[in-house]
Amino acid sequence: MLTRLGLALGLSACGGPQGPVTGTASLRIVAEPDNAVVEVDERYVGTAHVLTVRPHTLPAGIHRITVRSPGYFPHDLEVDLPPGETMVQISLRPEPAP
């Protein structure tokens, strides 16, 4: 019995599943063009120009970011934001001229 208890305690300390990330993340977006619109989890949070200067605060964890601007292909990405500030740099790709 003591051996099983020791084994169970040893395995639980070996990096098993961790709990959810907690804390506040701060997302700074630097994008070209800087008038690009930024959405996080399908909600408008501002333009890249504003988010370069004043980061958006949100819970740490996984978030979907979409950056779009007329005349450019939209860019989607999923990021796992840790607590603290994270900077994302994106250059949107221009759509071909008609």
PDB file of N, CA and C in Angstrom:
ATOM      1  N   MET A   1       0.828  -1.189   0.000  1.00  0.00           N
ATOM      2  CA  MET A   1       0.000   0.000   0.000  1.00  0.00           C
ATOM      3  C   MET A   1       0.866   1.244   0.000  1.00  0.00           C
ATOM      4  N   LEU A   2       1.904   1.270   0.818  1.00  0.00           N
ATOM      5  CA  LEU A   2       2.789   2.429   0.880  1.00  0.00           C
ATOM      6  C   LEU A   2       3.460   2.660  -0.471  1.00  0.00           C
ATOM      7  N   THR A   3       3.821   1.590  -1.166  1.00  0.00           N
ATOM      8  CA  THR A   3       4.459   1.715  -2.470  1.00  0.00           C
ATOM      9  C   THR A   3       3.504   2.360  -3.477  1.00  0.00           C
ATOM     10  N   ARG A   4       2.249   1.939  -3.478  1.00  0.00           N
ATOM     11  CA  ARG A   4       1.282   2.523  -4.404  1.00  0.00           C
ATOM     12  C   ARG A   4       1.071   4.006  -4.123  1.00  0.00           C
ATOM     13  N   LEU A   5       1.001   4.368  -2.843  1.00  0.00           N
ATOM     14  CA  LEU A   5       0.820   5.773  -2.477  1.00  0.00           C
ATOM     15  C   LEU A   5       2.022   6.596  -2.923  1.00  0.00           C
ATOM     16  N   GLY A   6       3.233   6.084  -2.718  1.00  0.00           N
ATOM     17  CA  GLY A   6       4.444   6.788  -3.143  1.00  0.00           C
ATOM     18  C   GLY A   6       4.496   6.951  -4.652  1.00  0.00           C
ATOM     19  N   LEU A   7       4.097   5.902  -5.377  1.00  0.00           N
ATOM     20  CA  LEU A   7       4.079   5.978  -6.830  1.00  0.00           C
ATOM     21  C   LEU A   7       3.055   7.009  -7.304  1.00  0.00           C
ATOM     22  N   ALA A   8       1.874   7.007  -6.691  1.00  0.00           N
ATOM     23  CA  ALA A   8       0.841   7.970  -7.074  1.00  0.00           C
ATOM     24  C   ALA A   8       1.296   9.395  -6.792  1.00  0.00           C
ATOM     25  N   LEU A   9       1.920   9.626  -5.655  1.00  0.00           N
ATOM     26  CA  LEU A   9       2.408  10.964  -5.334  1.00  0.00           C
ATOM     27  C   LEU A   9       3.523  11.374  -6.280  1.00  0.00           C
ATOM     28  N   GLY A  10       4.407  10.449  -6.614  1.00  0.00           N
ATOM     29  CA  GLY A  10       5.512  10.745  -7.529  1.00  0.00           C
ATOM     30  C   GLY A  10       5.011  11.088  -8.914  1.00  0.00           C
ATOM     31  N   LEU A  11       4.021  10.346  -9.423  1.00  0.00           N
ATOM     32  CA  LEU A  11       3.489  10.621 -10.756  1.00  0.00           C
ATOM     33  C   LEU A  11       2.731  11.932 -10.803  1.00  0.00           C
ATOM     34  N   SER A  12       2.049  12.284  -9.726  1.00  0.00           N
ATOM     35  CA  SER A  12       1.293  13.532  -9.752  1.00  0.00           C
ATOM     36  C   SER A  12       2.208  14.741  -9.799  1.00  0.00           C
ATOM     37  N   ALA A  13       3.455  14.598  -9.409  1.00  0.00           N
ATOM     38  CA  ALA A  13       4.391  15.716  -9.426  1.00  0.00           C
ATOM     39  C   ALA A  13       5.233  15.749 -10.698  1.00  0.00           C
ATOM     40  N   CYS A  14       4.977  14.846 -11.639  1.00  0.00           N
ATOM     41  CA  CYS A  14       5.809  14.727 -12.837  1.00  0.00           C
ATOM     42  C   CYS A  14       5.274  15.492 -14.031  1.00  0.00           C
ATOM     43  N   GLY A  15       4.619  16.599 -13.818  1.00  0.00           N
ATOM     44  CA  GLY A  15       4.205  17.421 -14.952  1.00  0.00           C
ATOM     45  C   GLY A  15       2.982  16.913 -15.658  1.00  0.00           C
ATOM     46  N   GLY A  16       2.040  16.400 -14.935  1.00  0.00           N
ATOM     47  CA  GLY A  16       0.774  15.980 -15.523  1.00  0.00           C
ATOM     48  C   GLY A  16       0.033  17.199 -16.045  1.00  0.00           C
ATOM     49  N   PRO A  17      -1.228  17.027 -16.394  1.00  0.00           N
ATOM     50  CA  PRO A  17      -1.992  18.161 -16.919  1.00  0.00           C
ATOM     51  C   PRO A  17      -1.984  19.348 -15.968  1.00  0.00           C
ATOM     52  N   GLN A  18      -1.750  20.501 -16.521  1.00  0.00           N
ATOM     53  CA  GLN A  18      -1.723  21.723 -15.732  1.00  0.00           C
ATOM     54  C   GLN A  18      -3.091  22.384 -15.780  1.00  0.00           C
ATOM     55  N   GLY A  19      -3.384  23.203 -14.797  1.00  0.00           N
ATOM     56  CA  GLY A  19      -4.647  23.932 -14.769  1.00  0.00           C
ATOM     57  C   GLY A  19      -4.636  25.035 -15.811  1.00  0.00           C
ATOM     58  N   PRO A  20      -5.770  25.708 -15.983  1.00  0.00           N
ATOM     59  CA  PRO A  20      -5.836  26.790 -16.974  1.00  0.00           C
ATOM     60  C   PRO A  20      -4.936  27.959 -16.580  1.00  0.00           C
ATOM     61  N   VAL A  21      -4.458  28.665 -17.600  1.00  0.00           N
ATOM     62  CA  VAL A  21      -3.627  29.850 -17.362  1.00  0.00           C
ATOM     63  C   VAL A  21      -4.526  30.942 -16.791  1.00  0.00           C
ATOM     64  N   THR A  22      -4.056  31.584 -15.748  1.00  0.00           N
ATOM     65  CA  THR A  22      -4.832  32.672 -15.167  1.00  0.00           C
ATOM     66  C   THR A  22      -4.002  33.941 -15.213  1.00  0.00           C
ATOM     67  N   GLY A  23      -4.654  35.052 -15.160  1.00  0.00           N
ATOM     68  CA  GLY A  23      -3.965  36.331 -15.184  1.00  0.00           C
ATOM     69  C   GLY A  23      -4.454  37.175 -16.331  1.00  0.00           C
ATOM     70  N   THR A  24      -3.845  38.329 -16.456  1.00  0.00           N
ATOM     71  CA  THR A  24      -4.236  39.284 -17.482  1.00  0.00           C
ATOM     72  C   THR A  24      -3.147  39.383 -18.536  1.00  0.00           C
ATOM     73  N   ALA A  25      -3.567  39.331 -19.787  1.00  0.00           N
ATOM     74  CA  ALA A  25      -2.651  39.491 -20.908  1.00  0.00           C
ATOM     75  C   ALA A  25      -2.875  40.866 -21.526  1.00  0.00           C
ATOM     76  N   SER A  26      -1.834  41.378 -22.128  1.00  0.00           N
ATOM     77  CA  SER A  26      -1.891  42.671 -22.804  1.00  0.00           C
ATOM     78  C   SER A  26      -1.388  42.438 -24.223  1.00  0.00           C
ATOM     79  N   LEU A  27      -2.244  42.698 -25.218  1.00  0.00           N
ATOM     80  CA  LEU A  27      -1.929  42.412 -26.615  1.00  0.00           C
ATOM     81  C   LEU A  27      -1.633  43.692 -27.373  1.00  0.00           C
ATOM     82  N   ARG A  28      -0.397  43.796 -27.858  1.00  0.00           N
ATOM     83  CA  ARG A  28       0.029  44.936 -28.673  1.00  0.00           C
ATOM     84  C   ARG A  28       0.120  44.432 -30.119  1.00  0.00           C
ATOM     85  N   ILE A  29      -0.557  45.128 -31.043  1.00  0.00           N
ATOM     86  CA  ILE A  29      -0.544  44.746 -32.460  1.00  0.00           C
ATOM     87  C   ILE A  29       0.203  45.806 -33.256  1.00  0.00           C
ATOM     88  N   VAL A  30       1.190  45.373 -34.011  1.00  0.00           N
ATOM     89  CA  VAL A  30       1.902  46.245 -34.938  1.00  0.00           C
ATOM     90  C   VAL A  30       1.626  45.671 -36.323  1.00  0.00           C
ATOM     91  N   ALA A  31       0.867  46.411 -37.141  1.00  0.00           N
ATOM     92  CA  ALA A  31       0.461  45.881 -38.443  1.00  0.00           C
ATOM     93  C   ALA A  31       0.712  46.886 -39.547  1.00  0.00           C
ATOM     94  N   GLU A  32       0.891  46.342 -40.729  1.00  0.00           N
ATOM     95  CA  GLU A  32       1.025  47.139 -41.934  1.00  0.00           C
ATOM     96  C   GLU A  32      -0.078  46.705 -42.869  1.00  0.00           C
ATOM     97  N   PRO A  33      -1.009  47.514 -43.254  1.00  0.00           N
ATOM     98  CA  PRO A  33      -1.103  48.945 -42.959  1.00  0.00           C
ATOM     99  C   PRO A  33      -1.583  49.180 -41.527  1.00  0.00           C
ATOM    100  N   ASP A  34      -1.233  50.325 -40.980  1.00  0.00           N
ATOM    101  CA  ASP A  34      -1.560  50.586 -39.573  1.00  0.00           C
ATOM    102  C   ASP A  34      -3.021  50.959 -39.350  1.00  0.00           C
ATOM    103  N   ASN A  35      -3.788  51.160 -40.451  1.00  0.00           N
ATOM    104  CA  ASN A  35      -5.220  51.424 -40.284  1.00  0.00           C
ATOM    105  C   ASN A  35      -6.037  50.132 -40.277  1.00  0.00           C
ATOM    106  N   ALA A  36      -5.361  48.987 -40.249  1.00  0.00           N
ATOM    107  CA  ALA A  36      -6.049  47.694 -40.239  1.00  0.00           C
ATOM    108  C   ALA A  36      -6.909  47.552 -38.993  1.00  0.00           C
ATOM    109  N   VAL A  37      -8.054  46.923 -39.162  1.00  0.00           N
ATOM    110  CA  VAL A  37      -8.984  46.660 -38.073  1.00  0.00           C
ATOM    111  C   VAL A  37      -8.588  45.350 -37.400  1.00  0.00           C
ATOM    112  N   VAL A  38      -8.648  45.335 -36.073  1.00  0.00           N
ATOM    113  CA  VAL A  38      -8.261  44.147 -35.312  1.00  0.00           C
ATOM    114  C   VAL A  38      -9.469  43.638 -34.528  1.00  0.00           C
ATOM    115  N   GLU A  39      -9.729  42.339 -34.670  1.00  0.00           N
ATOM    116  CA  GLU A  39     -10.770  41.666 -33.890  1.00  0.00           C
ATOM    117  C   GLU A  39     -10.111  40.575 -33.069  1.00  0.00           C
ATOM    118  N   VAL A  40     -10.573  40.421 -31.839  1.00  0.00           N
ATOM    119  CA  VAL A  40     -10.116  39.331 -30.980  1.00  0.00           C
ATOM    120  C   VAL A  40     -11.355  38.547 -30.579  1.00  0.00           C
ATOM    121  N   ASP A  41     -11.338  37.255 -30.851  1.00  0.00           N
ATOM    122  CA  ASP A  41     -12.477  36.383 -30.567  1.00  0.00           C
ATOM    123  C   ASP A  41     -13.756  36.937 -31.194  1.00  0.00           C
ATOM    124  N   GLU A  42     -13.622  37.409 -32.452  1.00  0.00           N
ATOM    125  CA  GLU A  42     -14.721  37.929 -33.263  1.00  0.00           C
ATOM    126  C   GLU A  42     -15.350  39.209 -32.703  1.00  0.00           C
ATOM    127  N   ARG A  43     -14.602  39.948 -31.885  1.00  0.00           N
ATOM    128  CA  ARG A  43     -15.078  41.230 -31.354  1.00  0.00           C
ATOM    129  C   ARG A  43     -14.066  42.310 -31.723  1.00  0.00           C
ATOM    130  N   TYR A  44     -14.574  43.412 -32.243  1.00  0.00           N
ATOM    131  CA  TYR A  44     -13.721  44.543 -32.610  1.00  0.00           C
ATOM    132  C   TYR A  44     -13.018  45.089 -31.365  1.00  0.00           C
ATOM    133  N   VAL A  45     -11.681  45.271 -31.463  1.00  0.00           N
ATOM    134  CA  VAL A  45     -10.940  45.844 -30.333  1.00  0.00           C
ATOM    135  C   VAL A  45     -10.225  47.136 -30.701  1.00  0.00           C
ATOM    136  N   GLY A  46     -10.135  47.478 -31.997  1.00  0.00           N
ATOM    137  CA  GLY A  46      -9.501  48.727 -32.397  1.00  0.00           C
ATOM    138  C   GLY A  46      -8.723  48.580 -33.678  1.00  0.00           C
ATOM    139  N   THR A  47      -8.038  49.658 -34.032  1.00  0.00           N
ATOM    140  CA  THR A  47      -7.166  49.614 -35.211  1.00  0.00           C
ATOM    141  C   THR A  47      -5.750  49.297 -34.764  1.00  0.00           C
ATOM    142  N   ALA A  48      -4.956  48.819 -35.700  1.00  0.00           N
ATOM    143  CA  ALA A  48      -3.567  48.502 -35.379  1.00  0.00           C
ATOM    144  C   ALA A  48      -2.828  49.747 -34.901  1.00  0.00           C
ATOM    145  N   HIS A  49      -3.149  50.896 -35.487  1.00  0.00           N
ATOM    146  CA  HIS A  49      -2.500  52.145 -35.084  1.00  0.00           C
ATOM    147  C   HIS A  49      -2.697  52.409 -33.581  1.00  0.00           C
ATOM    148  N   VAL A  50      -3.924  52.223 -33.107  1.00  0.00           N
ATOM    149  CA  VAL A  50      -4.217  52.449 -31.686  1.00  0.00           C
ATOM    150  C   VAL A  50      -3.594  51.356 -30.828  1.00  0.00           C
ATOM    151  N   LEU A  51      -3.692  50.092 -31.280  1.00  0.00           N
ATOM    152  CA  LEU A  51      -3.188  48.977 -30.473  1.00  0.00           C
ATOM    153  C   LEU A  51      -1.668  48.913 -30.417  1.00  0.00           C
ATOM    154  N   THR A  52      -0.997  49.644 -31.299  1.00  0.00           N
ATOM    155  CA  THR A  52       0.461  49.749 -31.211  1.00  0.00           C
ATOM    156  C   THR A  52       0.841  50.606 -30.013  1.00  0.00           C
ATOM    157  N   VAL A  53       0.054  51.640 -29.772  1.00  0.00           N
ATOM    158  CA  VAL A  53       0.331  52.595 -28.699  1.00  0.00           C
ATOM    159  C   VAL A  53      -0.314  52.174 -27.384  1.00  0.00           C
ATOM    160  N   ARG A  54      -1.539  51.632 -27.476  1.00  0.00           N
ATOM    161  CA  ARG A  54      -2.296  51.279 -26.276  1.00  0.00           C
ATOM    162  C   ARG A  54      -2.776  49.830 -26.411  1.00  0.00           C
ATOM    163  N   PRO A  55      -2.043  48.873 -25.826  1.00  0.00           N
ATOM    164  CA  PRO A  55      -2.406  47.458 -25.960  1.00  0.00           C
ATOM    165  C   PRO A  55      -3.792  47.150 -25.396  1.00  0.00           C
ATOM    166  N   HIS A  56      -4.395  46.095 -25.931  1.00  0.00           N
ATOM    167  CA  HIS A  56      -5.706  45.622 -25.487  1.00  0.00           C
ATOM    168  C   HIS A  56      -5.501  44.623 -24.349  1.00  0.00           C
ATOM    169  N   THR A  57      -6.241  44.792 -23.262  1.00  0.00           N
ATOM    170  CA  THR A  57      -6.143  43.902 -22.109  1.00  0.00           C
ATOM    171  C   THR A  57      -7.238  42.850 -22.185  1.00  0.00           C
ATOM    172  N   LEU A  58      -6.869  41.599 -21.931  1.00  0.00           N
ATOM    173  CA  LEU A  58      -7.822  40.495 -21.974  1.00  0.00           C
ATOM    174  C   LEU A  58      -7.302  39.359 -21.099  1.00  0.00           C
ATOM    175  N   PRO A  59      -8.125  38.359 -20.799  1.00  0.00           N
ATOM    176  CA  PRO A  59      -7.645  37.252 -19.978  1.00  0.00           C
ATOM    177  C   PRO A  59      -6.559  36.468 -20.708  1.00  0.00           C
ATOM    178  N   ALA A  60      -5.572  35.993 -19.980  1.00  0.00           N
ATOM    179  CA  ALA A  60      -4.548  35.136 -20.569  1.00  0.00           C
ATOM    180  C   ALA A  60      -5.220  33.865 -21.080  1.00  0.00           C
ATOM    181  N   GLY A  61      -4.640  33.270 -22.106  1.00  0.00           N
ATOM    182  CA  GLY A  61      -5.178  32.034 -22.671  1.00  0.00           C
ATOM    183  C   GLY A  61      -5.251  32.108 -24.182  1.00  0.00           C
ATOM    184  N   ILE A  62      -5.963  31.188 -24.783  1.00  0.00           N
ATOM    185  CA  ILE A  62      -6.030  31.070 -26.241  1.00  0.00           C
ATOM    186  C   ILE A  62      -7.080  32.035 -26.798  1.00  0.00           C
ATOM    187  N   HIS A  63      -6.664  32.804 -27.810  1.00  0.00           N
ATOM    188  CA  HIS A  63      -7.548  33.774 -28.452  1.00  0.00           C
ATOM    189  C   HIS A  63      -7.323  33.738 -29.962  1.00  0.00           C
ATOM    190  N   ARG A  64      -8.382  34.035 -30.713  1.00  0.00           N
ATOM    191  CA  ARG A  64      -8.306  34.116 -32.178  1.00  0.00           C
ATOM    192  C   ARG A  64      -8.261  35.592 -32.571  1.00  0.00           C
ATOM    193  N   ILE A  65      -7.260  35.945 -33.341  1.00  0.00           N
ATOM    194  CA  ILE A  65      -7.059  37.325 -33.778  1.00  0.00           C
ATOM    195  C   ILE A  65      -7.269  37.398 -35.289  1.00  0.00           C
ATOM    196  N   THR A  66      -8.027  38.396 -35.731  1.00  0.00           N
ATOM    197  CA  THR A  66      -8.216  38.655 -37.155  1.00  0.00           C
ATOM    198  C   THR A  66      -7.826  40.100 -37.424  1.00  0.00           C
ATOM    199  N   VAL A  67      -6.973  40.292 -38.439  1.00  0.00           N
ATOM    200  CA  VAL A  67      -6.544  41.627 -38.847  1.00  0.00           C
ATOM    201  C   VAL A  67      -6.962  41.783 -40.301  1.00  0.00           C
ATOM    202  N   ARG A  68      -7.683  42.879 -40.610  1.00  0.00           N
ATOM    203  CA  ARG A  68      -8.160  43.094 -41.980  1.00  0.00           C
ATOM    204  C   ARG A  68      -8.136  44.572 -42.348  1.00  0.00           C
ATOM    205  N   SER A  69      -7.985  44.809 -43.644  1.00  0.00           N
ATOM    206  CA  SER A  69      -7.992  46.174 -44.172  1.00  0.00           C
ATOM    207  C   SER A  69      -8.432  46.096 -45.625  1.00  0.00           C
ATOM    208  N   PRO A  70      -9.215  47.071 -46.107  1.00  0.00           N
ATOM    209  CA  PRO A  70      -9.641  47.055 -47.511  1.00  0.00           C
ATOM    210  C   PRO A  70      -8.431  46.994 -48.452  1.00  0.00           C
ATOM    211  N   GLY A  71      -8.531  46.142 -49.470  1.00  0.00           N
ATOM    212  CA  GLY A  71      -7.460  46.003 -50.450  1.00  0.00           C
ATOM    213  C   GLY A  71      -6.383  45.008 -50.042  1.00  0.00           C
ATOM    214  N   TYR A  72      -6.561  44.335 -48.893  1.00  0.00           N
ATOM    215  CA  TYR A  72      -5.592  43.359 -48.395  1.00  0.00           C
ATOM    216  C   TYR A  72      -6.310  42.073 -48.014  1.00  0.00           C
ATOM    217  N   PHE A  73      -5.598  40.953 -48.124  1.00  0.00           N
ATOM    218  CA  PHE A  73      -6.149  39.700 -47.639  1.00  0.00           C
ATOM    219  C   PHE A  73      -6.187  39.746 -46.113  1.00  0.00           C
ATOM    220  N   PRO A  74      -7.275  39.262 -45.473  1.00  0.00           N
ATOM    221  CA  PRO A  74      -7.310  39.233 -44.006  1.00  0.00           C
ATOM    222  C   PRO A  74      -6.313  38.200 -43.480  1.00  0.00           C
ATOM    223  N   HIS A  75      -5.890  38.402 -42.266  1.00  0.00           N
ATOM    224  CA  HIS A  75      -4.941  37.484 -41.629  1.00  0.00           C
ATOM    225  C   HIS A  75      -5.553  37.007 -40.312  1.00  0.00           C
ATOM    226  N   ASP A  76      -5.691  35.697 -40.161  1.00  0.00           N
ATOM    227  CA  ASP A  76      -6.214  35.092 -38.941  1.00  0.00           C
ATOM    228  C   ASP A  76      -5.103  34.315 -38.253  1.00  0.00           C
ATOM    229  N   LEU A  77      -5.080  34.397 -36.938  1.00  0.00           N
ATOM    230  CA  LEU A  77      -4.155  33.576 -36.183  1.00  0.00           C
ATOM    231  C   LEU A  77      -4.732  33.280 -34.820  1.00  0.00           C
ATOM    232  N   GLU A  78      -4.299  32.178 -34.253  1.00  0.00           N
ATOM    233  CA  GLU A  78      -4.701  31.792 -32.913  1.00  0.00           C
ATOM    234  C   GLU A  78      -3.453  31.834 -32.047  1.00  0.00           C
ATOM    235  N   VAL A  79      -3.546  32.533 -30.932  1.00  0.00           N
ATOM    236  CA  VAL A  79      -2.389  32.670 -30.045  1.00  0.00           C
ATOM    237  C   VAL A  79      -2.768  32.277 -28.628  1.00  0.00           C
ATOM    238  N   ASP A  80      -1.801  31.718 -27.931  1.00  0.00           N
ATOM    239  CA  ASP A  80      -1.969  31.398 -26.516  1.00  0.00           C
ATOM    240  C   ASP A  80      -1.232  32.487 -25.746  1.00  0.00           C
ATOM    241  N   LEU A  81      -1.972  33.491 -25.301  1.00  0.00           N
ATOM    242  CA  LEU A  81      -1.363  34.651 -24.649  1.00  0.00           C
ATOM    243  C   LEU A  81      -1.034  34.350 -23.192  1.00  0.00           C
ATOM    244  N   PRO A  82       0.221  34.514 -22.807  1.00  0.00           N
ATOM    245  CA  PRO A  82       0.583  34.357 -21.398  1.00  0.00           C
ATOM    246  C   PRO A  82       0.258  35.639 -20.645  1.00  0.00           C
ATOM    247  N   PRO A  83       0.250  35.594 -19.323  1.00  0.00           N
ATOM    248  CA  PRO A  83       0.090  36.839 -18.568  1.00  0.00           C
ATOM    249  C   PRO A  83       1.219  37.807 -18.937  1.00  0.00           C
ATOM    250  N   GLY A  84       0.924  39.088 -18.961  1.00  0.00           N
ATOM    251  CA  GLY A  84       1.916  40.090 -19.349  1.00  0.00           C
ATOM    252  C   GLY A  84       1.663  40.547 -20.770  1.00  0.00           C
ATOM    253  N   GLU A  85       2.619  41.286 -21.325  1.00  0.00           N
ATOM    254  CA  GLU A  85       2.441  41.850 -22.659  1.00  0.00           C
ATOM    255  C   GLU A  85       3.010  40.957 -23.749  1.00  0.00           C
ATOM    256  N   THR A  86       2.245  40.840 -24.830  1.00  0.00           N
ATOM    257  CA  THR A  86       2.681  40.121 -26.032  1.00  0.00           C
ATOM    258  C   THR A  86       2.513  41.056 -27.213  1.00  0.00           C
ATOM    259  N   MET A  87       3.540  41.133 -28.068  1.00  0.00           N
ATOM    260  CA  MET A  87       3.453  41.949 -29.271  1.00  0.00           C
ATOM    261  C   MET A  87       3.371  41.022 -30.482  1.00  0.00           C
ATOM    262  N   VAL A  88       2.407  41.309 -31.358  1.00  0.00           N
ATOM    263  CA  VAL A  88       2.240  40.553 -32.595  1.00  0.00           C
ATOM    264  C   VAL A  88       2.468  41.518 -33.751  1.00  0.00           C
ATOM    265  N   GLN A  89       3.365  41.146 -34.678  1.00  0.00           N
ATOM    266  CA  GLN A  89       3.644  41.961 -35.862  1.00  0.00           C
ATOM    267  C   GLN A  89       3.090  41.243 -37.078  1.00  0.00           C
ATOM    268  N   ILE A  90       2.316  41.978 -37.887  1.00  0.00           N
ATOM    269  CA  ILE A  90       1.672  41.399 -39.061  1.00  0.00           C
ATOM    270  C   ILE A  90       1.786  42.378 -40.225  1.00  0.00           C
ATOM    271  N   SER A  91       2.176  41.867 -41.386  1.00  0.00           N
ATOM    272  CA  SER A  91       2.132  42.644 -42.624  1.00  0.00           C
ATOM    273  C   SER A  91       1.097  41.982 -43.517  1.00  0.00           C
ATOM    274  N   LEU A  92      -0.014  42.673 -43.741  1.00  0.00           N
ATOM    275  CA  LEU A  92      -1.051  42.097 -44.591  1.00  0.00           C
ATOM    276  C   LEU A  92      -0.583  42.067 -46.043  1.00  0.00           C
ATOM    277  N   ARG A  93      -1.022  41.049 -46.748  1.00  0.00           N
ATOM    278  CA  ARG A  93      -0.648  40.870 -48.152  1.00  0.00           C
ATOM    279  C   ARG A  93      -1.670  41.557 -49.042  1.00  0.00           C
ATOM    280  N   PRO A  94      -1.226  42.442 -49.938  1.00  0.00           N
ATOM    281  CA  PRO A  94      -2.169  43.164 -50.810  1.00  0.00           C
ATOM    282  C   PRO A  94      -2.902  42.196 -51.748  1.00  0.00           C
ATOM    283  N   GLU A  95      -4.174  42.504 -52.000  1.00  0.00           N
ATOM    284  CA  GLU A  95      -4.920  41.748 -53.011  1.00  0.00           C
ATOM    285  C   GLU A  95      -4.421  42.178 -54.382  1.00  0.00           C
ATOM    286  N   PRO A  96      -4.471  41.278 -55.362  1.00  0.00           N
ATOM    287  CA  PRO A  96      -4.009  41.671 -56.708  1.00  0.00           C
ATOM    288  C   PRO A  96      -4.935  42.739 -57.308  1.00  0.00           C
ATOM    289  N   ALA A  97      -4.347  43.600 -58.109  1.00  0.00           N
ATOM    290  CA  ALA A  97      -5.131  44.651 -58.784  1.00  0.00           C
ATOM    291  C   ALA A  97      -6.040  43.997 -59.815  1.00  0.00           C
ATOM    292  N   PRO A  98      -7.271  44.511 -59.986  1.00  0.00           N
ATOM    293  CA  PRO A  98      -8.211  43.913 -60.964  1.00  0.00           C
ATOM    294  C   PRO A  98      -7.764  44.131 -62.389  1.00  0.00           C
TER     295      PRO A  98
END
